[in-house]
Amino acid sequence: MSLLHHHAPVEPLPELSRFRAQFHACLTTRADALFEVCEALVSTPTPVRHLAQLSLEPEHHRGHGSAYAALNQGRIDTTHLRWSLAALPLPRFHGRLVLACDVSPWLRPDAWTSPERSWCHTYGRGTGQAEMVPGWPYSVIVALEEGSTSWTAPLDAARLPPGTDETAFTAAQVRDLHTSLAAAGHHQPEDPDVLVVVDAGYDAPRLAHLLADLPMRVVGRLRSDRVLYGPAEHRPPSASGRPAKHGAPLRMAARATWPEPATVTTTPTRRYGTATVRSWDRMHPRLTHRSAWADHPGQLPVVEGTLVLLQVQALPSRRSPKPLWLWASATGLAPEGVDELWWAYLRRFDIEHTFRFLKQMLGWDAPRLRDPRAADRWSWVVLVAYTQLRLARGLVVQVCLPWHRPVEPVRMSPSRVRRGFRYIRADLPGCVGAPKPSGPGPGRPAGSRNKRPAPRYGVPKKHETSIKGRSGDKQPG
């Protein structure tokens, strides 16, 4: 199986059983109710639209109100759960760990009684225009696999509080995750550096600066209108004045400013035709004391790295291909090392498949929960359900619909594994006890008005200057 590391082979069934027992041990309050919600979520083959739907599944032995009560009043030991996810067999990309980080929003535009909402960047459905919608943004970290696949290995998820710097928040997440991975034996001092792959929404040089003391390399996409600088020219000893920090500028939009690349490679690909890659060594941005660097003490650093330009012949969508600019926090790379960087970045799009499956099939953003802490518990239940599907890839029997063609077990999608997960539950040990009978609560008498209305919360503006003049970002009066 591609998800198992060749240095640490394990049996899938005992590993899945062990993880389920560890997950149940992490549930400190209303453990059985939360576990049965996860059981119904991972076993039902249909998309989840609301929580009450899960109570109709045979794996759920409690009433429909127990699901909401478990999420609102339950407790999950997320520290031990993060450790359990990091201790699982993780996929490798050419012998090294590759982590993808991204922020996915749980949009709640009409949830006036839900606190701690932020402005989330999203795209309007059908228009393709960027919009800012109130919701709960979640920072997710996954491990990527090799080859063409839609699977990833989720390792961490955390909700960003309002006004949080995404780059600094992700850096703290990655730092804690590296400690868990090293303790679990997934990364030893002699192993290759871990690749952290991010999209253009992150400040890749700043993320690399925050993780400079760890054995990690950051690979991020840059906008095509950026300007980077080469190393400063050699200064003779007799020169006077302050030494220069920046060399000649490279304007990505102006080809005339491009110096001679350090490496040039061409690679034939199946989907994109011939890929031509150019790289420039020791390129860095010019930093100023503003925005995220406004509070940096002392002199600003020079964060050098490798600038990579990827150009392909064609796209599967038949659109005109645009150049892709990448920046990596590594210098002096050979052509093989540069090729590994852009191949790893192309695998970053697997996290988008994971987000789509979590939301469209597992119903990550389907429940209308008021408390953000209940949303955090539901997010962990969804990630645990996805992890169980990943561990069961080689165990389930393929259940094909009439219009589906059979595929190899290692190429089964998460939806196909979920369709057959119910048939292996008899081989898994049970973790929950019998439900205790109880009657419904008294509730509010019919016809009476609510005398304790829930408080209403606004959405704080993250950056006053960046949202000034946008009608879609105004707070409700």
Protein backbone atom coordinates (compact mmCIF):
# COMPACT_ATOMS: atom_id res chain seq x y z
CA MET A 1 0.00 0.00 0.00
CA SER A 2 1.27 3.45 -0.89
CA LEU A 3 0.25 4.95 2.45
CA LEU A 4 2.58 2.68 4.44
CA HIS A 5 6.23 3.67 4.84
CA HIS A 6 8.51 0.93 3.53
CA HIS A 7 10.71 1.15 6.64
CA ALA A 8 7.78 0.49 9.03
CA PRO A 9 5.28 -2.00 7.60
CA VAL A 10 2.18 -2.60 9.72
CA GLU A 11 -0.99 -4.63 9.41
CA PRO A 12 -3.95 -2.46 8.38
CA LEU A 13 -6.62 -4.10 10.54
CA PRO A 14 -4.74 -3.97 13.89
CA GLU A 15 -3.64 -0.41 13.09
CA LEU A 16 -7.23 0.67 12.41
CA SER A 17 -8.48 -1.06 15.57
CA ARG A 18 -5.75 0.55 17.65
CA PHE A 19 -6.53 4.02 16.30
CA ARG A 20 -10.25 3.61 17.04
CA ALA A 21 -9.48 2.63 20.63
CA GLN A 22 -7.15 5.62 21.00
CA PHE A 23 -9.82 7.93 19.64
CA HIS A 24 -12.36 6.63 22.14
CA ALA A 25 -9.84 7.18 24.93
CA CYS A 26 -9.48 10.83 23.83
CA LEU A 27 -13.20 11.41 24.37
CA THR A 28 -13.39 12.55 27.99
CA THR A 29 -17.07 13.60 28.18
CA ARG A 30 -20.02 11.95 26.37
CA ALA A 31 -17.52 9.53 24.85
CA ASP A 32 -19.98 6.92 23.61
CA ALA A 33 -22.28 9.48 21.97
CA LEU A 34 -19.39 11.18 20.15
CA PHE A 35 -17.97 7.83 19.07
CA GLU A 36 -21.31 6.70 17.64
CA VAL A 37 -21.62 9.95 15.70
CA CYS A 38 -18.24 9.21 14.14
CA GLU A 39 -19.31 5.59 13.48
CA ALA A 40 -22.42 6.69 11.63
CA LEU A 41 -20.48 9.35 9.74
CA VAL A 42 -17.85 6.95 8.44
CA SER A 43 -20.33 4.18 7.59
CA THR A 44 -23.13 5.95 5.75
CA PRO A 45 -22.52 5.93 1.98
CA THR A 46 -24.56 9.09 1.27
CA PRO A 47 -23.63 12.76 1.70
CA VAL A 48 -24.33 14.16 5.16
CA ARG A 49 -26.67 17.17 5.18
CA HIS A 50 -27.47 17.47 8.90
CA LEU A 51 -26.69 15.76 12.20
CA ALA A 52 -30.14 14.25 12.69
CA GLN A 53 -29.56 12.23 9.53
CA LEU A 54 -26.81 10.27 11.29
CA SER A 55 -29.23 9.05 13.97
CA LEU A 56 -31.06 7.01 11.30
CA GLU A 57 -27.99 4.89 10.54
CA PRO A 58 -27.77 1.41 12.14
CA GLU A 59 -24.42 2.30 13.73
CA HIS A 60 -26.10 5.02 15.82
CA HIS A 61 -28.08 3.55 18.74
CA ARG A 62 -29.10 6.80 20.42
CA GLY A 63 -31.70 9.44 19.71
CA HIS A 64 -31.21 12.28 17.27
CA GLY A 65 -30.79 14.78 20.09
CA SER A 66 -27.75 12.95 21.45
CA ALA A 67 -25.63 14.06 18.49
CA TYR A 68 -26.22 17.74 19.20
CA ALA A 69 -25.78 17.21 22.94
CA ALA A 70 -22.51 15.37 22.38
CA LEU A 71 -21.08 18.18 20.25
CA ASN A 72 -22.31 20.96 22.54
CA GLN A 73 -21.43 19.35 25.87
CA GLY A 74 -18.81 16.73 25.03
CA ARG A 75 -15.07 17.05 25.49
CA ILE A 76 -12.16 15.82 23.33
CA ASP A 77 -8.54 15.62 24.47
CA THR A 78 -7.09 17.18 21.32
CA THR A 79 -3.50 16.94 22.56
CA HIS A 80 -3.59 13.14 22.70
CA LEU A 81 -5.64 12.99 19.51
CA ARG A 82 -2.99 14.98 17.64
CA TRP A 83 -0.39 12.57 18.96
CA SER A 84 -2.45 9.59 17.78
CA LEU A 85 -2.68 11.05 14.26
CA ALA A 86 1.06 11.79 14.15
CA ALA A 87 1.90 8.25 15.32
CA LEU A 88 0.04 6.61 12.41
CA PRO A 89 1.88 5.32 9.31
CA LEU A 90 2.41 8.37 7.08
CA PRO A 91 2.98 8.56 3.32
CA ARG A 92 6.31 9.64 1.87
CA PHE A 93 7.19 11.63 -1.22
CA HIS A 94 10.45 10.34 -2.68
CA GLY A 95 11.57 9.24 0.78
CA ARG A 96 10.73 12.44 2.65
CA LEU A 97 7.75 13.89 4.48
CA VAL A 98 5.82 16.57 2.58
CA LEU A 99 3.31 18.63 4.56
CA ALA A 100 0.68 20.83 2.91
CA CYS A 101 -0.84 23.71 4.86
CA ASP A 102 -3.97 25.58 3.90
CA VAL A 103 -6.91 27.47 5.43
CA SER A 104 -10.44 26.31 4.66
CA PRO A 105 -13.43 28.41 5.80
CA TRP A 106 -16.59 27.22 7.46
CA LEU A 107 -18.86 29.99 6.19
CA ARG A 108 -21.48 31.29 8.66
CA PRO A 109 -22.74 34.57 7.14
CA ASP A 110 -26.13 34.54 8.92
CA ALA A 111 -25.02 33.18 12.30
CA TRP A 112 -25.42 36.45 14.24
CA THR A 113 -25.49 34.60 17.58
CA SER A 114 -22.23 32.71 16.92
CA PRO A 115 -19.15 34.38 18.43
CA GLU A 116 -15.55 34.49 17.16
CA ARG A 117 -16.40 34.75 13.48
CA SER A 118 -13.83 36.21 11.09
CA TRP A 119 -13.84 37.45 7.52
CA CYS A 120 -13.01 34.44 5.33
CA HIS A 121 -11.65 34.73 1.81
CA THR A 122 -13.69 32.75 -0.69
CA TYR A 123 -14.87 32.87 -4.29
CA GLY A 124 -18.43 33.62 -5.37
CA ARG A 125 -20.16 30.59 -6.82
CA GLY A 126 -20.55 31.05 -10.57
CA THR A 127 -18.76 34.42 -10.69
CA GLY A 128 -15.17 33.55 -9.78
CA GLN A 129 -14.82 36.84 -7.90
CA ALA A 130 -13.10 36.94 -4.54
CA GLU A 131 -15.43 37.65 -1.63
CA MET A 132 -15.06 38.13 2.11
CA VAL A 133 -17.75 36.19 4.00
CA PRO A 134 -18.08 35.81 7.80
CA GLY A 135 -17.23 32.36 9.09
CA TRP A 136 -14.78 30.23 11.03
CA PRO A 137 -11.46 29.69 9.22
CA TYR A 138 -9.60 26.46 9.97
CA SER A 139 -5.90 25.89 9.39
CA VAL A 140 -5.33 22.28 8.32
CA ILE A 141 -2.05 20.38 7.87
CA VAL A 142 -1.89 17.12 5.92
CA ALA A 143 0.84 14.78 4.70
CA LEU A 144 0.97 14.21 0.93
CA GLU A 145 1.43 11.01 -1.04
CA GLU A 146 3.22 10.20 -4.26
CA GLY A 147 1.48 9.68 -7.57
CA SER A 148 -1.93 10.65 -8.85
CA THR A 149 -4.28 10.29 -5.88
CA SER A 150 -6.89 12.22 -3.93
CA TRP A 151 -5.80 10.88 -0.55
CA THR A 152 -3.97 12.81 2.14
CA ALA A 153 -3.12 12.12 5.78
CA PRO A 154 -4.66 14.84 8.04
CA LEU A 155 -2.45 15.64 11.00
CA ASP A 156 -3.81 18.81 12.58
CA ALA A 157 -6.69 21.28 12.37
CA ALA A 158 -7.16 24.46 14.37
CA ARG A 159 -9.59 27.34 14.17
CA LEU A 160 -8.05 30.78 13.69
CA PRO A 161 -9.28 33.35 16.22
CA PRO A 162 -10.33 36.74 14.83
CA GLY A 163 -7.42 38.99 13.91
CA THR A 164 -4.85 36.17 13.85
CA ASP A 165 -1.88 36.29 11.50
CA GLU A 166 -2.25 33.16 9.35
CA THR A 167 1.49 32.80 8.69
CA ALA A 168 2.47 33.04 12.37
CA PHE A 169 -0.40 30.75 13.38
CA THR A 170 0.62 28.12 10.81
CA ALA A 171 4.26 28.36 11.88
CA ALA A 172 3.28 27.55 15.47
CA GLN A 173 1.17 24.64 14.21
CA VAL A 174 4.03 23.23 12.14
CA ARG A 175 6.45 23.61 15.03
CA ASP A 176 4.25 21.62 17.41
CA LEU A 177 3.60 19.02 14.72
CA HIS A 178 7.31 18.54 14.07
CA THR A 179 7.81 17.78 17.76
CA SER A 180 5.15 15.07 17.58
CA LEU A 181 6.54 13.62 14.34
CA ALA A 182 10.06 13.46 15.78
CA ALA A 183 8.79 11.81 18.97
CA ALA A 184 6.83 9.26 16.90
CA GLY A 185 9.96 8.36 14.91
CA HIS A 186 8.76 9.73 11.57
CA HIS A 187 11.63 12.21 11.27
CA GLN A 188 15.11 11.46 12.51
CA PRO A 189 18.17 13.76 12.36
CA GLU A 190 19.60 11.80 9.42
CA ASP A 191 16.36 11.99 7.40
CA PRO A 192 15.88 14.55 4.60
CA ASP A 193 14.36 17.87 5.56
CA VAL A 194 10.58 18.04 5.74
CA LEU A 195 8.97 19.97 2.88
CA VAL A 196 6.23 22.43 3.89
CA VAL A 197 4.17 23.36 0.83
CA VAL A 198 1.88 26.43 0.89
CA ASP A 199 -0.06 28.48 -1.62
CA ALA A 200 0.17 32.18 -2.48
CA GLY A 201 -2.04 33.15 0.46
CA TYR A 202 0.93 32.65 2.79
CA ASP A 203 4.06 34.74 3.06
CA ALA A 204 6.53 31.97 2.21
CA PRO A 205 9.74 33.89 3.10
CA ARG A 206 8.31 34.90 6.47
CA LEU A 207 7.15 31.35 7.16
CA ALA A 208 10.65 30.12 6.34
CA HIS A 209 12.13 32.73 8.69
CA LEU A 210 9.85 31.59 11.53
CA LEU A 211 10.84 27.94 10.94
CA ALA A 212 14.54 28.57 10.27
CA ASP A 213 15.67 26.60 13.34
CA LEU A 214 13.86 23.42 12.24
CA PRO A 215 14.98 20.88 9.60
CA MET A 216 12.32 22.07 7.18
CA ARG A 217 12.14 23.61 3.73
CA VAL A 218 9.27 25.89 2.77
CA VAL A 219 7.95 25.86 -0.81
CA GLY A 220 5.36 28.46 -1.72
CA ARG A 221 3.79 30.02 -4.77
CA LEU A 222 4.38 33.70 -5.53
CA ARG A 223 2.25 36.15 -7.42
CA SER A 224 3.49 36.89 -10.92
CA ASP A 225 3.94 40.62 -10.21
CA ARG A 226 6.49 40.21 -7.40
CA VAL A 227 10.03 41.60 -7.41
CA LEU A 228 12.89 39.62 -5.90
CA TYR A 229 16.54 40.55 -5.53
CA GLY A 230 19.71 38.59 -6.01
CA PRO A 231 22.70 38.54 -3.67
CA ALA A 232 24.61 41.77 -3.16
CA GLU A 233 27.60 42.25 -5.40
CA HIS A 234 31.10 41.84 -4.04
CA ARG A 235 32.26 44.99 -2.30
CA PRO A 236 35.95 45.92 -2.57
CA PRO A 237 37.75 46.57 0.72
CA SER A 238 38.49 50.17 -0.22
CA ALA A 239 34.81 51.06 -0.75
CA SER A 240 33.17 53.42 1.68
CA GLY A 241 29.60 53.72 2.89
CA ARG A 242 27.08 51.18 4.02
CA PRO A 243 27.35 47.81 2.24
CA ALA A 244 24.47 46.91 -0.05
CA LYS A 245 22.02 44.23 1.08
CA HIS A 246 20.32 43.60 -2.26
CA GLY A 247 21.58 42.84 -5.72
CA ALA A 248 19.97 43.32 -9.11
CA PRO A 249 16.16 43.10 -9.09
CA LEU A 250 14.26 40.36 -10.92
CA ARG A 251 10.82 41.55 -11.96
CA MET A 252 8.70 38.53 -12.73
CA ALA A 253 6.46 40.49 -15.11
CA ALA A 254 9.43 41.94 -17.06
CA ARG A 255 11.41 39.25 -18.87
CA ALA A 256 14.20 41.71 -19.70
CA THR A 257 15.18 41.84 -16.01
CA TRP A 258 15.65 38.09 -15.70
CA PRO A 259 19.32 37.15 -15.25
CA GLU A 260 20.83 33.94 -16.54
CA PRO A 261 19.19 31.05 -14.62
CA ALA A 262 21.30 28.78 -12.46
CA THR A 263 19.58 25.62 -13.77
CA VAL A 264 17.33 24.82 -16.74
CA THR A 265 15.59 21.46 -17.06
CA THR A 266 12.91 19.99 -19.35
CA THR A 267 10.71 17.12 -18.20
CA PRO A 268 8.05 15.29 -20.26
CA THR A 269 4.78 14.90 -18.33
CA ARG A 270 1.59 12.98 -19.06
CA ARG A 271 -0.90 15.75 -18.29
CA TYR A 272 0.99 18.95 -19.09
CA GLY A 273 3.26 18.06 -21.99
CA THR A 274 6.87 19.22 -21.70
CA ALA A 275 7.59 21.13 -18.49
CA THR A 276 10.42 23.67 -18.67
CA VAL A 277 11.86 24.73 -15.33
CA ARG A 278 14.28 27.59 -14.66
CA SER A 279 15.72 28.44 -11.27
CA TRP A 280 17.67 31.33 -9.81
CA ASP A 281 19.72 30.83 -6.66
CA ARG A 282 19.88 33.08 -3.56
CA MET A 283 16.86 35.23 -4.41
CA HIS A 284 15.11 37.16 -1.64
CA PRO A 285 12.38 39.79 -1.22
CA ARG A 286 13.06 43.29 0.00
CA LEU A 287 11.49 43.59 3.44
CA THR A 288 10.23 46.78 5.08
CA HIS A 289 9.03 47.63 8.58
CA ARG A 290 5.33 47.37 7.82
CA SER A 291 2.53 44.82 7.75
CA ALA A 292 3.72 41.57 9.35
CA TRP A 293 7.28 42.92 9.78
CA ALA A 294 6.19 46.13 11.53
CA ASP A 295 7.04 44.83 15.03
CA HIS A 296 10.24 43.03 14.05
CA PRO A 297 13.00 44.14 16.44
CA GLY A 298 16.23 45.44 14.97
CA GLN A 299 17.38 45.08 11.40
CA LEU A 300 15.24 43.11 9.00
CA PRO A 301 16.71 39.78 7.85
CA VAL A 302 17.63 38.74 4.33
CA VAL A 303 15.75 35.51 3.67
CA GLU A 304 17.43 33.88 0.68
CA GLY A 305 16.04 30.99 -1.31
CA THR A 306 15.62 29.50 -4.77
CA LEU A 307 13.23 31.09 -7.25
CA VAL A 308 11.64 28.56 -9.64
CA LEU A 309 9.73 29.28 -12.85
CA LEU A 310 7.59 26.42 -14.18
CA GLN A 311 6.15 26.63 -17.70
CA VAL A 312 4.15 23.83 -19.33
CA GLN A 313 2.82 23.24 -22.83
CA ALA A 314 -0.85 22.59 -22.07
CA LEU A 315 -3.40 22.22 -19.28
CA PRO A 316 -6.04 19.46 -18.93
CA SER A 317 -8.74 22.17 -19.05
CA ARG A 318 -7.41 23.35 -22.45
CA ARG A 319 -6.89 26.85 -21.13
CA SER A 320 -3.80 28.82 -21.96
CA PRO A 321 -1.11 27.86 -19.41
CA LYS A 322 0.32 30.65 -17.29
CA PRO A 323 3.80 30.64 -15.76
CA LEU A 324 4.00 29.36 -12.20
CA TRP A 325 6.47 31.06 -9.86
CA LEU A 326 7.68 29.22 -6.76
CA TRP A 327 10.05 30.17 -3.97
CA ALA A 328 11.84 27.63 -1.77
CA SER A 329 13.87 28.27 1.38
CA ALA A 330 16.86 26.29 0.11
CA THR A 331 19.94 27.43 -1.79
CA GLY A 332 22.55 25.69 -3.90
CA LEU A 333 20.12 23.10 -5.27
CA ALA A 334 21.05 20.74 -8.08
CA PRO A 335 18.63 20.31 -11.03
CA GLU A 336 17.23 17.15 -9.42
CA GLY A 337 16.48 19.07 -6.23
CA VAL A 338 14.68 21.80 -8.16
CA ASP A 339 12.54 19.24 -9.97
CA GLU A 340 11.57 17.70 -6.63
CA LEU A 341 10.33 21.08 -5.42
CA TRP A 342 7.84 21.74 -8.21
CA TRP A 343 6.66 18.13 -8.26
CA ALA A 344 5.94 18.41 -4.53
CA TYR A 345 4.06 21.66 -5.07
CA LEU A 346 1.82 20.06 -7.72
CA ARG A 347 0.85 17.43 -5.15
CA ARG A 348 -0.34 20.27 -2.89
CA PHE A 349 -3.62 20.33 -4.81
CA ASP A 350 -4.52 16.98 -3.18
CA ILE A 351 -5.51 18.95 -0.08
CA GLU A 352 -8.21 20.63 -2.18
CA HIS A 353 -9.66 17.17 -2.94
CA THR A 354 -9.63 16.46 0.80
CA PHE A 355 -11.51 19.68 1.59
CA ARG A 356 -14.08 18.90 -1.09
CA PHE A 357 -14.68 15.39 0.29
CA LEU A 358 -14.88 16.62 3.89
CA LYS A 359 -17.50 19.23 3.01
CA GLN A 360 -19.52 17.59 0.25
CA MET A 361 -19.59 13.98 1.55
CA LEU A 362 -18.79 14.07 5.27
CA GLY A 363 -20.70 17.32 5.86
CA TRP A 364 -17.93 19.25 7.62
CA ASP A 365 -19.75 22.58 7.24
CA ALA A 366 -23.28 21.13 7.23
CA PRO A 367 -24.31 21.43 10.95
CA ARG A 368 -25.64 24.81 12.07
CA LEU A 369 -23.80 24.93 15.37
CA ARG A 370 -23.82 28.08 17.46
CA ASP A 371 -20.81 27.50 19.72
CA PRO A 372 -17.42 27.58 17.94
CA ARG A 373 -16.09 25.00 20.40
CA ALA A 374 -18.81 22.61 19.25
CA ALA A 375 -17.64 23.30 15.69
CA ASP A 376 -14.11 22.35 16.76
CA ARG A 377 -15.35 19.02 18.13
CA TRP A 378 -17.27 18.28 14.95
CA SER A 379 -14.17 19.14 12.89
CA TRP A 380 -12.13 16.59 14.82
CA VAL A 381 -14.87 13.97 14.42
CA VAL A 382 -14.81 14.55 10.65
CA LEU A 383 -11.00 14.27 10.50
CA VAL A 384 -11.09 11.05 12.52
CA ALA A 385 -13.71 9.60 10.17
CA TYR A 386 -11.54 10.46 7.16
CA THR A 387 -8.49 8.91 8.86
CA GLN A 388 -10.38 5.66 9.44
CA LEU A 389 -11.22 5.55 5.73
CA ARG A 390 -7.54 6.05 4.90
CA LEU A 391 -6.50 3.19 7.16
CA ALA A 392 -9.20 0.93 5.68
CA ARG A 393 -8.12 1.35 2.04
CA GLY A 394 -6.78 -2.18 1.78
CA LEU A 395 -9.50 -3.80 3.89
CA VAL A 396 -12.88 -2.90 2.44
CA VAL A 397 -14.62 -4.87 -0.29
CA GLN A 398 -15.27 -2.81 -3.39
CA VAL A 399 -18.97 -1.95 -3.64
CA CYS A 400 -19.56 -0.58 -7.15
CA LEU A 401 -22.66 1.18 -8.30
CA PRO A 402 -24.05 0.05 -11.67
CA TRP A 403 -22.31 2.90 -13.51
CA HIS A 404 -18.94 2.45 -11.78
CA ARG A 405 -16.08 0.42 -13.15
CA PRO A 406 -13.99 -1.71 -10.78
CA VAL A 407 -10.55 -0.31 -9.94
CA GLU A 408 -7.52 -1.63 -8.12
CA PRO A 409 -7.80 -1.52 -4.31
CA VAL A 410 -4.92 0.95 -3.99
CA ARG A 411 -6.70 3.33 -6.39
CA MET A 412 -10.05 3.37 -4.60
CA SER A 413 -11.30 6.87 -3.86
CA PRO A 414 -12.46 7.93 -0.36
CA SER A 415 -16.09 7.66 -1.49
CA ARG A 416 -15.64 4.05 -2.61
CA VAL A 417 -13.88 3.09 0.61
CA ARG A 418 -16.67 4.71 2.59
CA ARG A 419 -19.27 2.72 0.66
CA GLY A 420 -17.68 -0.54 1.79
CA PHE A 421 -16.59 0.44 5.32
CA ARG A 422 -19.83 -0.81 6.88
CA TYR A 423 -19.00 -4.41 5.90
CA ILE A 424 -15.76 -4.55 7.91
CA ARG A 425 -17.22 -3.23 11.18
CA ALA A 426 -17.88 -6.81 12.32
CA ASP A 427 -14.11 -7.38 12.33
CA LEU A 428 -13.43 -4.29 14.47
CA PRO A 429 -13.68 -4.39 18.27
CA GLY A 430 -16.51 -2.45 19.87
CA CYS A 431 -15.70 0.56 22.03
CA VAL A 432 -19.08 1.84 23.25
CA GLY A 433 -21.56 0.48 25.74
CA ALA A 434 -25.32 0.17 25.56
CA PRO A 435 -27.22 3.47 25.64
CA LYS A 436 -29.08 4.37 28.79
CA PRO A 437 -32.81 4.94 28.29
CA SER A 438 -34.04 8.43 29.00
CA GLY A 439 -37.04 10.59 28.20
CA PRO A 440 -37.14 13.94 26.47
CA GLY A 441 -36.61 17.09 28.47
CA PRO A 442 -39.49 19.40 29.43
CA GLY A 443 -38.43 22.13 27.02
CA ARG A 444 -40.17 25.51 26.82
CA PRO A 445 -43.96 25.40 27.15
CA ALA A 446 -45.81 25.76 23.89
CA GLY A 447 -46.86 29.32 23.14
CA SER A 448 -44.39 30.95 25.55
CA ARG A 449 -41.78 33.41 24.32
CA ASN A 450 -38.06 33.04 24.81
CA LYS A 451 -37.11 35.25 27.75
CA ARG A 452 -33.35 34.68 27.35
CA PRO A 453 -32.48 35.53 23.75
CA ALA A 454 -28.98 34.63 22.64
CA PRO A 455 -26.53 37.55 22.37
CA ARG A 456 -25.62 38.77 18.91
CA TYR A 457 -22.02 39.21 17.78
CA GLY A 458 -20.49 41.28 15.03
CA VAL A 459 -17.52 40.36 12.87
CA PRO A 460 -14.36 42.33 13.75
CA LYS A 461 -12.43 43.87 10.90
CA LYS A 462 -9.01 42.31 10.58
CA HIS A 463 -7.28 45.07 8.61
CA GLU A 464 -8.98 48.45 8.56
CA THR A 465 -7.04 49.74 5.56
CA SER A 466 -7.38 46.60 3.47
CA ILE A 467 -11.18 46.47 3.65
CA LYS A 468 -11.92 50.18 3.45
CA GLY A 469 -14.26 50.90 0.58
CA ARG A 470 -15.46 47.31 0.12
CA SER A 471 -19.20 47.14 0.45
CA GLY A 472 -19.15 43.37 1.04
CA ASP A 473 -16.88 43.68 4.10
CA LYS A 474 -18.93 46.15 6.14
CA GLN A 475 -20.08 45.07 9.53
CA PRO A 476 -23.82 44.82 10.08
CA GLY A 477 -25.24 47.90 11.74
